[in-house]
Amino acid sequence: MLKGIKVICIGVFVLAILANQVTRILELGKWQTSVSLILLAGLFYVSNIFLIRYFINKKAPGLMEIDSILPPPPKGKECLWEKTAGTGIVPKWVSVIGLLSISALITAVVPWIIALFK
């Protein structure tokens, strides 16, 4: 849990610095930078989902197909593919990509929230 929060905080810090530099170099407006960060967050999110599915299919073939055939689990229970968490099937760097999507979204939205309350 704390490692994830650290990754998100470091990601926000690094992305804020990079976004600031790109904005200056390319002479972009703040809204253009925010839209670019939101698109980057979407790209990270989709990449994360694709990579999770890829590694589960690669290291545990057939698991996703079995899970799609089974009925949805009862409330409070988890799907079959969720039981792979922590087993090493999906590399940690894939999780970092998912956390960076949260960082990019925070970096894009928080300045507008701050400006709204100024």
PDB file of N, CA and C in Angstrom:
ATOM      1  N   MET A   1       0.826  -1.195   0.000  1.00  0.00           N
ATOM      2  CA  MET A   1       0.000   0.000   0.000  1.00  0.00           C
ATOM      3  C   MET A   1       0.868   1.255   0.000  1.00  0.00           C
ATOM      4  N   LEU A   2       1.826   1.337   0.936  1.00  0.00           N
ATOM      5  CA  LEU A   2       2.667   2.528   1.003  1.00  0.00           C
ATOM      6  C   LEU A   2       3.589   2.634  -0.202  1.00  0.00           C
ATOM      7  N   LYS A   3       4.027   1.499  -0.754  1.00  0.00           N
ATOM      8  CA  LYS A   3       4.862   1.544  -1.951  1.00  0.00           C
ATOM      9  C   LYS A   3       4.087   2.142  -3.113  1.00  0.00           C
ATOM     10  N   GLY A   4       2.814   1.788  -3.222  1.00  0.00           N
ATOM     11  CA  GLY A   4       1.971   2.342  -4.277  1.00  0.00           C
ATOM     12  C   GLY A   4       1.808   3.844  -4.133  1.00  0.00           C
ATOM     13  N   ILE A   5       1.612   4.296  -2.905  1.00  0.00           N
ATOM     14  CA  ILE A   5       1.469   5.736  -2.663  1.00  0.00           C
ATOM     15  C   ILE A   5       2.767   6.458  -2.986  1.00  0.00           C
ATOM     16  N   LYS A   6       3.904   5.840  -2.654  1.00  0.00           N
ATOM     17  CA  LYS A   6       5.200   6.443  -2.991  1.00  0.00           C
ATOM     18  C   LYS A   6       5.367   6.570  -4.504  1.00  0.00           C
ATOM     19  N   VAL A   7       5.003   5.528  -5.226  1.00  0.00           N
ATOM     20  CA  VAL A   7       5.117   5.561  -6.685  1.00  0.00           C
ATOM     21  C   VAL A   7       4.229   6.662  -7.256  1.00  0.00           C
ATOM     22  N   ILE A   8       3.008   6.779  -6.737  1.00  0.00           N
ATOM     23  CA  ILE A   8       2.099   7.819  -7.219  1.00  0.00           C
ATOM     24  C   ILE A   8       2.660   9.206  -6.928  1.00  0.00           C
ATOM     25  N   CYS A   9       3.164   9.427  -5.720  1.00  0.00           N
ATOM     26  CA  CYS A   9       3.714  10.744  -5.351  1.00  0.00           C
ATOM     27  C   CYS A   9       4.937  11.091  -6.186  1.00  0.00           C
ATOM     28  N   ILE A  10       5.839  10.146  -6.352  1.00  0.00           N
ATOM     29  CA  ILE A  10       7.025  10.402  -7.186  1.00  0.00           C
ATOM     30  C   ILE A  10       6.603  10.647  -8.628  1.00  0.00           C
ATOM     31  N   GLY A  11       5.614   9.887  -9.107  1.00  0.00           N
ATOM     32  CA  GLY A  11       5.102  10.081 -10.461  1.00  0.00           C
ATOM     33  C   GLY A  11       4.512  11.463 -10.649  1.00  0.00           C
ATOM     34  N   VAL A  12       3.741  11.948  -9.671  1.00  0.00           N
ATOM     35  CA  VAL A  12       3.168  13.296  -9.746  1.00  0.00           C
ATOM     36  C   VAL A  12       4.289  14.323  -9.808  1.00  0.00           C
ATOM     37  N   PHE A  13       5.287  14.169  -8.969  1.00  0.00           N
ATOM     38  CA  PHE A  13       6.415  15.110  -8.931  1.00  0.00           C
ATOM     39  C   PHE A  13       7.142  15.145 -10.276  1.00  0.00           C
ATOM     40  N   VAL A  14       7.501  13.974 -10.796  1.00  0.00           N
ATOM     41  CA  VAL A  14       8.245  13.900 -12.061  1.00  0.00           C
ATOM     42  C   VAL A  14       7.397  14.391 -13.230  1.00  0.00           C
ATOM     43  N   LEU A  15       6.136  13.981 -13.280  1.00  0.00           N
ATOM     44  CA  LEU A  15       5.273  14.415 -14.376  1.00  0.00           C
ATOM     45  C   LEU A  15       4.997  15.912 -14.323  1.00  0.00           C
ATOM     46  N   ALA A  16       4.902  16.480 -13.132  1.00  0.00           N
ATOM     47  CA  ALA A  16       4.695  17.928 -13.019  1.00  0.00           C
ATOM     48  C   ALA A  16       5.898  18.688 -13.567  1.00  0.00           C
ATOM     49  N   ILE A  17       7.095  18.206 -13.236  1.00  0.00           N
ATOM     50  CA  ILE A  17       8.307  18.858 -13.751  1.00  0.00           C
ATOM     51  C   ILE A  17       8.389  18.707 -15.269  1.00  0.00           C
ATOM     52  N   LEU A  18       8.152  17.492 -15.770  1.00  0.00           N
ATOM     53  CA  LEU A  18       8.194  17.269 -17.223  1.00  0.00           C
ATOM     54  C   LEU A  18       7.129  18.082 -17.947  1.00  0.00           C
ATOM     55  N   ALA A  19       5.929  18.133 -17.400  1.00  0.00           N
ATOM     56  CA  ALA A  19       4.854  18.900 -18.029  1.00  0.00           C
ATOM     57  C   ALA A  19       5.198  20.386 -18.069  1.00  0.00           C
ATOM     58  N   ASN A  20       5.794  20.885 -17.004  1.00  0.00           N
ATOM     59  CA  ASN A  20       6.200  22.285 -16.959  1.00  0.00           C
ATOM     60  C   ASN A  20       7.245  22.581 -18.032  1.00  0.00           C
ATOM     61  N   GLN A  21       8.224  21.698 -18.168  1.00  0.00           N
ATOM     62  CA  GLN A  21       9.275  21.906 -19.166  1.00  0.00           C
ATOM     63  C   GLN A  21       8.719  21.812 -20.594  1.00  0.00           C
ATOM     64  N   VAL A  22       7.875  20.832 -20.842  1.00  0.00           N
ATOM     65  CA  VAL A  22       7.286  20.668 -22.175  1.00  0.00           C
ATOM     66  C   VAL A  22       6.415  21.879 -22.511  1.00  0.00           C
ATOM     67  N   THR A  23       5.681  22.394 -21.520  1.00  0.00           N
ATOM     68  CA  THR A  23       4.835  23.567 -21.733  1.00  0.00           C
ATOM     69  C   THR A  23       5.680  24.771 -22.137  1.00  0.00           C
ATOM     70  N   ARG A  24       6.808  24.948 -21.491  1.00  0.00           N
ATOM     71  CA  ARG A  24       7.700  26.080 -21.824  1.00  0.00           C
ATOM     72  C   ARG A  24       8.336  25.901 -23.188  1.00  0.00           C
ATOM     73  N   ILE A  25       8.858  24.704 -23.455  1.00  0.00           N
ATOM     74  CA  ILE A  25       9.578  24.474 -24.711  1.00  0.00           C
ATOM     75  C   ILE A  25       8.641  24.582 -25.912  1.00  0.00           C
ATOM     76  N   LEU A  26       7.472  23.955 -25.830  1.00  0.00           N
ATOM     77  CA  LEU A  26       6.545  23.950 -26.959  1.00  0.00           C
ATOM     78  C   LEU A  26       5.564  25.121 -26.941  1.00  0.00           C
ATOM     79  N   GLU A  27       5.674  25.971 -25.912  1.00  0.00           N
ATOM     80  CA  GLU A  27       4.800  27.137 -25.751  1.00  0.00           C
ATOM     81  C   GLU A  27       3.323  26.741 -25.813  1.00  0.00           C
ATOM     82  N   LEU A  28       2.975  25.745 -25.040  1.00  0.00           N
ATOM     83  CA  LEU A  28       1.600  25.259 -24.975  1.00  0.00           C
ATOM     84  C   LEU A  28       0.825  26.014 -23.906  1.00  0.00           C
ATOM     85  N   GLY A  29      -0.485  26.010 -24.047  1.00  0.00           N
ATOM     86  CA  GLY A  29      -1.332  26.549 -22.996  1.00  0.00           C
ATOM     87  C   GLY A  29      -1.474  25.524 -21.884  1.00  0.00           C
ATOM     88  N   LYS A  30      -1.897  26.005 -20.727  1.00  0.00           N
ATOM     89  CA  LYS A  30      -2.051  25.082 -19.591  1.00  0.00           C
ATOM     90  C   LYS A  30      -3.117  24.026 -19.884  1.00  0.00           C
ATOM     91  N   TRP A  31      -4.173  24.417 -20.581  1.00  0.00           N
ATOM     92  CA  TRP A  31      -5.232  23.453 -20.878  1.00  0.00           C
ATOM     93  C   TRP A  31      -4.723  22.376 -21.823  1.00  0.00           C
ATOM     94  N   GLN A  32      -3.820  22.739 -22.756  1.00  0.00           N
ATOM     95  CA  GLN A  32      -3.265  21.752 -23.674  1.00  0.00           C
ATOM     96  C   GLN A  32      -2.388  20.749 -22.934  1.00  0.00           C
ATOM     97  N   THR A  33      -1.656  21.254 -21.975  1.00  0.00           N
ATOM     98  CA  THR A  33      -0.824  20.363 -21.161  1.00  0.00           C
ATOM     99  C   THR A  33      -1.700  19.413 -20.341  1.00  0.00           C
ATOM    100  N   SER A  34      -2.781  19.937 -19.778  1.00  0.00           N
ATOM    101  CA  SER A  34      -3.681  19.091 -18.989  1.00  0.00           C
ATOM    102  C   SER A  34      -4.335  18.017 -19.856  1.00  0.00           C
ATOM    103  N   VAL A  35      -4.774  18.399 -21.051  1.00  0.00           N
ATOM    104  CA  VAL A  35      -5.371  17.416 -21.959  1.00  0.00           C
ATOM    105  C   VAL A  35      -4.339  16.353 -22.328  1.00  0.00           C
ATOM    106  N   SER A  36      -3.104  16.775 -22.573  1.00  0.00           N
ATOM    107  CA  SER A  36      -2.038  15.817 -22.904  1.00  0.00           C
ATOM    108  C   SER A  36      -1.785  14.853 -21.752  1.00  0.00           C
ATOM    109  N   LEU A  37      -1.807  15.367 -20.526  1.00  0.00           N
ATOM    110  CA  LEU A  37      -1.609  14.497 -19.358  1.00  0.00           C
ATOM    111  C   LEU A  37      -2.779  13.532 -19.178  1.00  0.00           C
ATOM    112  N   ILE A  38      -3.986  13.973 -19.466  1.00  0.00           N
ATOM    113  CA  ILE A  38      -5.142  13.080 -19.369  1.00  0.00           C
ATOM    114  C   ILE A  38      -5.042  11.986 -20.431  1.00  0.00           C
ATOM    115  N   LEU A  39      -4.609  12.354 -21.633  1.00  0.00           N
ATOM    116  CA  LEU A  39      -4.404  11.344 -22.680  1.00  0.00           C
ATOM    117  C   LEU A  39      -3.298  10.367 -22.289  1.00  0.00           C
ATOM    118  N   LEU A  40      -2.230  10.883 -21.676  1.00  0.00           N
ATOM    119  CA  LEU A  40      -1.141  10.019 -21.199  1.00  0.00           C
ATOM    120  C   LEU A  40      -1.652   9.070 -20.113  1.00  0.00           C
ATOM    121  N   ALA A  41      -2.509   9.585 -19.227  1.00  0.00           N
ATOM    122  CA  ALA A  41      -3.091   8.730 -18.188  1.00  0.00           C
ATOM    123  C   ALA A  41      -3.911   7.608 -18.825  1.00  0.00           C
ATOM    124  N   GLY A  42      -4.689   7.950 -19.847  1.00  0.00           N
ATOM    125  CA  GLY A  42      -5.467   6.931 -20.553  1.00  0.00           C
ATOM    126  C   GLY A  42      -4.582   5.897 -21.222  1.00  0.00           C
ATOM    127  N   LEU A  43      -3.482   6.353 -21.824  1.00  0.00           N
ATOM    128  CA  LEU A  43      -2.539   5.442 -22.473  1.00  0.00           C
ATOM    129  C   LEU A  43      -1.902   4.499 -21.453  1.00  0.00           C
ATOM    130  N   PHE A  44      -1.496   5.034 -20.305  1.00  0.00           N
ATOM    131  CA  PHE A  44      -0.935   4.197 -19.243  1.00  0.00           C
ATOM    132  C   PHE A  44      -1.961   3.179 -18.757  1.00  0.00           C
ATOM    133  N   TYR A  45      -3.203   3.608 -18.598  1.00  0.00           N
ATOM    134  CA  TYR A  45      -4.265   2.724 -18.095  1.00  0.00           C
ATOM    135  C   TYR A  45      -4.527   1.579 -19.069  1.00  0.00           C
ATOM    136  N   VAL A  46      -4.679   1.918 -20.345  1.00  0.00           N
ATOM    137  CA  VAL A  46      -4.948   0.883 -21.352  1.00  0.00           C
ATOM    138  C   VAL A  46      -3.749  -0.056 -21.482  1.00  0.00           C
ATOM    139  N   SER A  47      -2.541   0.500 -21.441  1.00  0.00           N
ATOM    140  CA  SER A  47      -1.332  -0.337 -21.501  1.00  0.00           C
ATOM    141  C   SER A  47      -1.273  -1.289 -20.317  1.00  0.00           C
ATOM    142  N   ASN A  48      -1.631  -0.799 -19.146  1.00  0.00           N
ATOM    143  CA  ASN A  48      -1.628  -1.617 -17.942  1.00  0.00           C
ATOM    144  C   ASN A  48      -2.590  -2.791 -18.090  1.00  0.00           C
ATOM    145  N   ILE A  49      -3.794  -2.523 -18.556  1.00  0.00           N
ATOM    146  CA  ILE A  49      -4.781  -3.591 -18.733  1.00  0.00           C
ATOM    147  C   ILE A  49      -4.290  -4.608 -19.764  1.00  0.00           C
ATOM    148  N   PHE A  50      -3.780  -4.110 -20.892  1.00  0.00           N
ATOM    149  CA  PHE A  50      -3.279  -5.005 -21.937  1.00  0.00           C
ATOM    150  C   PHE A  50      -2.154  -5.888 -21.409  1.00  0.00           C
ATOM    151  N   LEU A  51      -1.204  -5.288 -20.684  1.00  0.00           N
ATOM    152  CA  LEU A  51      -0.063  -6.052 -20.175  1.00  0.00           C
ATOM    153  C   LEU A  51      -0.478  -7.063 -19.107  1.00  0.00           C
ATOM    154  N   ILE A  52      -1.424  -6.699 -18.247  1.00  0.00           N
ATOM    155  CA  ILE A  52      -1.910  -7.656 -17.246  1.00  0.00           C
ATOM    156  C   ILE A  52      -2.519  -8.865 -17.941  1.00  0.00           C
ATOM    157  N   ARG A  53      -3.373  -8.616 -18.929  1.00  0.00           N
ATOM    158  CA  ARG A  53      -3.994  -9.722 -19.673  1.00  0.00           C
ATOM    159  C   ARG A  53      -2.938 -10.554 -20.404  1.00  0.00           C
ATOM    160  N   TYR A  54      -1.954  -9.880 -20.988  1.00  0.00           N
ATOM    161  CA  TYR A  54      -0.905 -10.589 -21.725  1.00  0.00           C
ATOM    162  C   TYR A  54      -0.134 -11.531 -20.802  1.00  0.00           C
ATOM    163  N   PHE A  55       0.316 -11.031 -19.656  1.00  0.00           N
ATOM    164  CA  PHE A  55       1.126 -11.858 -18.764  1.00  0.00           C
ATOM    165  C   PHE A  55       0.314 -12.975 -18.118  1.00  0.00           C
ATOM    166  N   ILE A  56      -0.956 -12.717 -17.804  1.00  0.00           N
ATOM    167  CA  ILE A  56      -1.784 -13.797 -17.255  1.00  0.00           C
ATOM    168  C   ILE A  56      -1.978 -14.881 -18.309  1.00  0.00           C
ATOM    169  N   ASN A  57      -2.259 -14.475 -19.558  1.00  0.00           N
ATOM    170  CA  ASN A  57      -2.430 -15.477 -20.626  1.00  0.00           C
ATOM    171  C   ASN A  57      -1.128 -16.216 -20.935  1.00  0.00           C
ATOM    172  N   LYS A  58       0.001 -15.519 -20.776  1.00  0.00           N
ATOM    173  CA  LYS A  58       1.293 -16.136 -21.076  1.00  0.00           C
ATOM    174  C   LYS A  58       1.705 -17.138 -19.994  1.00  0.00           C
ATOM    175  N   LYS A  59       1.547 -16.758 -18.732  1.00  0.00           N
ATOM    176  CA  LYS A  59       2.045 -17.590 -17.640  1.00  0.00           C
ATOM    177  C   LYS A  59       0.986 -18.513 -17.035  1.00  0.00           C
ATOM    178  N   ALA A  60      -0.287 -18.229 -17.296  1.00  0.00           N
ATOM    179  CA  ALA A  60      -1.375 -19.103 -16.817  1.00  0.00           C
ATOM    180  C   ALA A  60      -2.384 -19.248 -17.950  1.00  0.00           C
ATOM    181  N   PRO A  61      -2.000 -19.970 -19.018  1.00  0.00           N
ATOM    182  CA  PRO A  61      -2.881 -20.056 -20.186  1.00  0.00           C
ATOM    183  C   PRO A  61      -4.250 -20.642 -19.844  1.00  0.00           C
ATOM    184  N   GLY A  62      -5.266 -20.048 -20.435  1.00  0.00           N
ATOM    185  CA  GLY A  62      -6.621 -20.537 -20.247  1.00  0.00           C
ATOM    186  C   GLY A  62      -7.347 -19.954 -19.050  1.00  0.00           C
ATOM    187  N   LEU A  63      -6.649 -19.284 -18.173  1.00  0.00           N
ATOM    188  CA  LEU A  63      -7.279 -18.747 -16.964  1.00  0.00           C
ATOM    189  C   LEU A  63      -8.324 -17.690 -17.295  1.00  0.00           C
ATOM    190  N   MET A  64      -8.021 -16.808 -18.229  1.00  0.00           N
ATOM    191  CA  MET A  64      -8.962 -15.751 -18.605  1.00  0.00           C
ATOM    192  C   MET A  64     -10.210 -16.347 -19.271  1.00  0.00           C
ATOM    193  N   GLU A  65     -10.020 -17.396 -20.068  1.00  0.00           N
ATOM    194  CA  GLU A  65     -11.169 -18.028 -20.723  1.00  0.00           C
ATOM    195  C   GLU A  65     -12.075 -18.714 -19.704  1.00  0.00           C
ATOM    196  N   ILE A  66     -11.452 -19.396 -18.742  1.00  0.00           N
ATOM    197  CA  ILE A  66     -12.233 -20.055 -17.686  1.00  0.00           C
ATOM    198  C   ILE A  66     -13.012 -19.004 -16.896  1.00  0.00           C
ATOM    199  N   ASP A  67     -12.346 -17.899 -16.590  1.00  0.00           N
ATOM    200  CA  ASP A  67     -12.985 -16.850 -15.804  1.00  0.00           C
ATOM    201  C   ASP A  67     -14.146 -16.217 -16.554  1.00  0.00           C
ATOM    202  N   SER A  68     -14.028 -16.098 -17.884  1.00  0.00           N
ATOM    203  CA  SER A  68     -15.118 -15.498 -18.662  1.00  0.00           C
ATOM    204  C   SER A  68     -16.321 -16.440 -18.769  1.00  0.00           C
ATOM    205  N   ILE A  69     -16.093 -17.750 -18.661  1.00  0.00           N
ATOM    206  CA  ILE A  69     -17.182 -18.723 -18.738  1.00  0.00           C
ATOM    207  C   ILE A  69     -17.936 -18.817 -17.415  1.00  0.00           C
ATOM    208  N   LEU A  70     -17.214 -18.685 -16.310  1.00  0.00           N
ATOM    209  CA  LEU A  70     -17.839 -18.808 -14.989  1.00  0.00           C
ATOM    210  C   LEU A  70     -18.814 -17.658 -14.740  1.00  0.00           C
ATOM    211  N   PRO A  71     -19.842 -17.896 -13.932  1.00  0.00           N
ATOM    212  CA  PRO A  71     -20.753 -16.794 -13.578  1.00  0.00           C
ATOM    213  C   PRO A  71     -20.012 -15.783 -12.692  1.00  0.00           C
ATOM    214  N   PRO A  72     -20.491 -14.554 -12.657  1.00  0.00           N
ATOM    215  CA  PRO A  72     -19.836 -13.549 -11.811  1.00  0.00           C
ATOM    216  C   PRO A  72     -19.829 -13.993 -10.346  1.00  0.00           C
ATOM    217  N   PRO A  73     -18.754 -13.683  -9.637  1.00  0.00           N
ATOM    218  CA  PRO A  73     -18.691 -14.102  -8.231  1.00  0.00           C
ATOM    219  C   PRO A  73     -19.692 -13.318  -7.385  1.00  0.00           C
ATOM    220  N   PRO A  74     -20.089 -13.884  -6.256  1.00  0.00           N
ATOM    221  CA  PRO A  74     -20.982 -13.151  -5.350  1.00  0.00           C
ATOM    222  C   PRO A  74     -20.298 -11.888  -4.829  1.00  0.00           C
ATOM    223  N   LYS A  75     -21.105 -10.960  -4.366  1.00  0.00           N
ATOM    224  CA  LYS A  75     -20.565  -9.705  -3.846  1.00  0.00           C
ATOM    225  C   LYS A  75     -19.599  -9.981  -2.694  1.00  0.00           C
ATOM    226  N   GLY A  76     -18.448  -9.334  -2.745  1.00  0.00           N
ATOM    227  CA  GLY A  76     -17.425  -9.538  -1.731  1.00  0.00           C
ATOM    228  C   GLY A  76     -16.414 -10.617  -2.079  1.00  0.00           C
ATOM    229  N   LYS A  77     -16.673 -11.396  -3.109  1.00  0.00           N
ATOM    230  CA  LYS A  77     -15.742 -12.436  -3.557  1.00  0.00           C
ATOM    231  C   LYS A  77     -14.997 -11.913  -4.786  1.00  0.00           C
ATOM    232  N   GLU A  78     -13.916 -12.577  -5.140  1.00  0.00           N
ATOM    233  CA  GLU A  78     -13.117 -12.113  -6.272  1.00  0.00           C
ATOM    234  C   GLU A  78     -13.188 -13.081  -7.448  1.00  0.00           C
ATOM    235  N   CYS A  79     -12.911 -12.526  -8.628  1.00  0.00           N
ATOM    236  CA  CYS A  79     -12.873 -13.342  -9.844  1.00  0.00           C
ATOM    237  C   CYS A  79     -11.642 -14.239  -9.805  1.00  0.00           C
ATOM    238  N   LEU A  80     -11.633 -15.230 -10.669  1.00  0.00           N
ATOM    239  CA  LEU A  80     -10.527 -16.185 -10.703  1.00  0.00           C
ATOM    240  C   LEU A  80      -9.206 -15.503 -11.037  1.00  0.00           C
ATOM    241  N   TRP A  81      -9.210 -14.571 -12.014  1.00  0.00           N
ATOM    242  CA  TRP A  81      -7.959 -13.927 -12.413  1.00  0.00           C
ATOM    243  C   TRP A  81      -7.407 -13.032 -11.313  1.00  0.00           C
ATOM    244  N   GLU A  82      -8.277 -12.530 -10.418  1.00  0.00           N
ATOM    245  CA  GLU A  82      -7.815 -11.677  -9.324  1.00  0.00           C
ATOM    246  C   GLU A  82      -7.004 -12.466  -8.300  1.00  0.00           C
ATOM    247  N   LYS A  83      -7.175 -13.788  -8.290  1.00  0.00           N
ATOM    248  CA  LYS A  83      -6.429 -14.623  -7.356  1.00  0.00           C
ATOM    249  C   LYS A  83      -4.951 -14.741  -7.747  1.00  0.00           C
ATOM    250  N   THR A  84      -4.595 -14.240  -8.937  1.00  0.00           N
ATOM    251  CA  THR A  84      -3.195 -14.273  -9.362  1.00  0.00           C
ATOM    252  C   THR A  84      -2.380 -13.158  -8.713  1.00  0.00           C
ATOM    253  N   ALA A  85      -3.034 -12.216  -8.035  1.00  0.00           N
ATOM    254  CA  ALA A  85      -2.331 -11.089  -7.418  1.00  0.00           C
ATOM    255  C   ALA A  85      -1.310 -11.593  -6.400  1.00  0.00           C
ATOM    256  N   GLY A  86      -0.101 -11.077  -6.491  1.00  0.00           N
ATOM    257  CA  GLY A  86       0.948 -11.433  -5.547  1.00  0.00           C
ATOM    258  C   GLY A  86       1.650 -12.745  -5.832  1.00  0.00           C
ATOM    259  N   THR A  87       1.296 -13.414  -6.920  1.00  0.00           N
ATOM    260  CA  THR A  87       1.927 -14.697  -7.234  1.00  0.00           C
ATOM    261  C   THR A  87       3.125 -14.539  -8.163  1.00  0.00           C
ATOM    262  N   GLY A  88       3.364 -13.339  -8.671  1.00  0.00           N
ATOM    263  CA  GLY A  88       4.496 -13.107  -9.567  1.00  0.00           C
ATOM    264  C   GLY A  88       4.176 -13.346 -11.030  1.00  0.00           C
ATOM    265  N   ILE A  89       2.924 -13.605 -11.340  1.00  0.00           N
ATOM    266  CA  ILE A  89       2.550 -13.820 -12.743  1.00  0.00           C
ATOM    267  C   ILE A  89       2.695 -12.519 -13.523  1.00  0.00           C
ATOM    268  N   VAL A  90       2.243 -11.423 -12.948  1.00  0.00           N
ATOM    269  CA  VAL A  90       2.364 -10.115 -13.585  1.00  0.00           C
ATOM    270  C   VAL A  90       3.544  -9.384 -12.940  1.00  0.00           C
ATOM    271  N   PRO A  91       4.519  -8.927 -13.755  1.00  0.00           N
ATOM    272  CA  PRO A  91       5.678  -8.224 -13.185  1.00  0.00           C
ATOM    273  C   PRO A  91       5.275  -6.916 -12.493  1.00  0.00           C
ATOM    274  N   LYS A  92       6.097  -6.513 -11.543  1.00  0.00           N
ATOM    275  CA  LYS A  92       5.804  -5.300 -10.779  1.00  0.00           C
ATOM    276  C   LYS A  92       5.821  -4.045 -11.640  1.00  0.00           C
ATOM    277  N   TRP A  93       6.637  -4.028 -12.703  1.00  0.00           N
ATOM    278  CA  TRP A  93       6.697  -2.828 -13.530  1.00  0.00           C
ATOM    279  C   TRP A  93       5.380  -2.570 -14.246  1.00  0.00           C
ATOM    280  N   VAL A  94       4.593  -3.621 -14.452  1.00  0.00           N
ATOM    281  CA  VAL A  94       3.268  -3.443 -15.055  1.00  0.00           C
ATOM    282  C   VAL A  94       2.369  -2.700 -14.070  1.00  0.00           C
ATOM    283  N   SER A  95       2.482  -3.021 -12.802  1.00  0.00           N
ATOM    284  CA  SER A  95       1.710  -2.320 -11.780  1.00  0.00           C
ATOM    285  C   SER A  95       2.134  -0.858 -11.678  1.00  0.00           C
ATOM    286  N   VAL A  96       3.425  -0.604 -11.849  1.00  0.00           N
ATOM    287  CA  VAL A  96       3.921   0.770 -11.815  1.00  0.00           C
ATOM    288  C   VAL A  96       3.296   1.585 -12.949  1.00  0.00           C
ATOM    289  N   ILE A  97       3.142   0.987 -14.115  1.00  0.00           N
ATOM    290  CA  ILE A  97       2.503   1.688 -15.232  1.00  0.00           C
ATOM    291  C   ILE A  97       1.070   2.077 -14.853  1.00  0.00           C
ATOM    292  N   GLY A  98       0.359   1.173 -14.198  1.00  0.00           N
ATOM    293  CA  GLY A  98      -0.991   1.485 -13.746  1.00  0.00           C
ATOM    294  C   GLY A  98      -1.017   2.607 -12.724  1.00  0.00           C
ATOM    295  N   LEU A  99      -0.059   2.609 -11.816  1.00  0.00           N
ATOM    296  CA  LEU A  99       0.014   3.677 -10.818  1.00  0.00           C
ATOM    297  C   LEU A  99       0.386   5.015 -11.462  1.00  0.00           C
ATOM    298  N   LEU A 100       1.194   4.967 -12.511  1.00  0.00           N
ATOM    299  CA  LEU A 100       1.550   6.205 -13.208  1.00  0.00           C
ATOM    300  C   LEU A 100       0.346   6.819 -13.918  1.00  0.00           C
ATOM    301  N   SER A 101      -0.639   6.007 -14.267  1.00  0.00           N
ATOM    302  CA  SER A 101      -1.855   6.574 -14.851  1.00  0.00           C
ATOM    303  C   SER A 101      -2.574   7.441 -13.819  1.00  0.00           C
ATOM    304  N   ILE A 102      -2.567   7.008 -12.573  1.00  0.00           N
ATOM    305  CA  ILE A 102      -3.164   7.808 -11.502  1.00  0.00           C
ATOM    306  C   ILE A 102      -2.359   9.092 -11.314  1.00  0.00           C
ATOM    307  N   SER A 103      -1.024   8.985 -11.365  1.00  0.00           N
ATOM    308  CA  SER A 103      -0.166  10.162 -11.216  1.00  0.00           C
ATOM    309  C   SER A 103      -0.425  11.184 -12.314  1.00  0.00           C
ATOM    310  N   ALA A 104      -0.549  10.708 -13.547  1.00  0.00           N
ATOM    311  CA  ALA A 104      -0.792  11.622 -14.666  1.00  0.00           C
ATOM    312  C   ALA A 104      -2.139  12.316 -14.523  1.00  0.00           C
ATOM    313  N   LEU A 105      -3.138  11.588 -14.073  1.00  0.00           N
ATOM    314  CA  LEU A 105      -4.461  12.181 -13.889  1.00  0.00           C
ATOM    315  C   LEU A 105      -4.436  13.238 -12.779  1.00  0.00           C
ATOM    316  N   ILE A 106      -3.768  12.927 -11.687  1.00  0.00           N
ATOM    317  CA  ILE A 106      -3.644  13.892 -10.582  1.00  0.00           C
ATOM    318  C   ILE A 106      -2.909  15.140 -11.061  1.00  0.00           C
ATOM    319  N   THR A 107      -1.820  14.948 -11.798  1.00  0.00           N
ATOM    320  CA  THR A 107      -1.030  16.076 -12.289  1.00  0.00           C
ATOM    321  C   THR A 107      -1.846  16.953 -13.235  1.00  0.00           C
ATOM    322  N   ALA A 108      -2.763  16.349 -13.976  1.00  0.00           N
ATOM    323  CA  ALA A 108      -3.580  17.113 -14.917  1.00  0.00           C
ATOM    324  C   ALA A 108      -4.713  17.864 -14.225  1.00  0.00           C
ATOM    325  N   VAL A 109      -5.307  17.276 -13.192  1.00  0.00           N
ATOM    326  CA  VAL A 109      -6.537  17.822 -12.622  1.00  0.00           C
ATOM    327  C   VAL A 109      -6.291  18.760 -11.429  1.00  0.00           C
ATOM    328  N   VAL A 110      -5.336  18.453 -10.576  1.00  0.00           N
ATOM    329  CA  VAL A 110      -5.140  19.223  -9.343  1.00  0.00           C
ATOM    330  C   VAL A 110      -4.869  20.706  -9.595  1.00  0.00           C
ATOM    331  N   PRO A 111      -4.044  21.101 -10.577  1.00  0.00           N
ATOM    332  CA  PRO A 111      -3.857  22.545 -10.793  1.00  0.00           C
ATOM    333  C   PRO A 111      -5.157  23.291 -11.106  1.00  0.00           C
ATOM    334  N   TRP A 112      -6.077  22.642 -11.811  1.00  0.00           N
ATOM    335  CA  TRP A 112      -7.355  23.277 -12.127  1.00  0.00           C
ATOM    336  C   TRP A 112      -8.232  23.385 -10.884  1.00  0.00           C
ATOM    337  N   ILE A 113      -8.157  22.403 -10.010  1.00  0.00           N
ATOM    338  CA  ILE A 113      -8.917  22.461  -8.760  1.00  0.00           C
ATOM    339  C   ILE A 113      -8.377  23.579  -7.875  1.00  0.00           C
ATOM    340  N   ILE A 114      -7.053  23.697  -7.816  1.00  0.00           N
ATOM    341  CA  ILE A 114      -6.436  24.767  -7.027  1.00  0.00           C
ATOM    342  C   ILE A 114      -6.821  26.122  -7.588  1.00  0.00           C
ATOM    343  N   ALA A 115      -6.788  26.268  -8.920  1.00  0.00           N
ATOM    344  CA  ALA A 115      -7.155  27.540  -9.546  1.00  0.00           C
ATOM    345  C   ALA A 115      -8.624  27.872  -9.313  1.00  0.00           C
ATOM    346  N   LEU A 116      -9.454  26.859  -9.232  1.00  0.00           N
ATOM    347  CA  LEU A 116     -10.887  27.071  -9.015  1.00  0.00           C
ATOM    348  C   LEU A 116     -11.155  27.680  -7.645  1.00  0.00           C
ATOM    349  N   PHE A 117     -10.381  27.299  -6.633  1.00  0.00           N
ATOM    350  CA  PHE A 117     -10.600  27.782  -5.289  1.00  0.00           C
ATOM    351  C   PHE A 117      -9.743  28.994  -4.932  1.00  0.00           C
ATOM    352  N   LYS A 118      -8.985  29.517  -5.866  1.00  0.00           N
ATOM    353  CA  LYS A 118      -8.170  30.707  -5.580  1.00  0.00           C
ATOM    354  C   LYS A 118      -9.011  31.942  -5.527  1.00  0.00           C
TER     355      LYS A 118
END
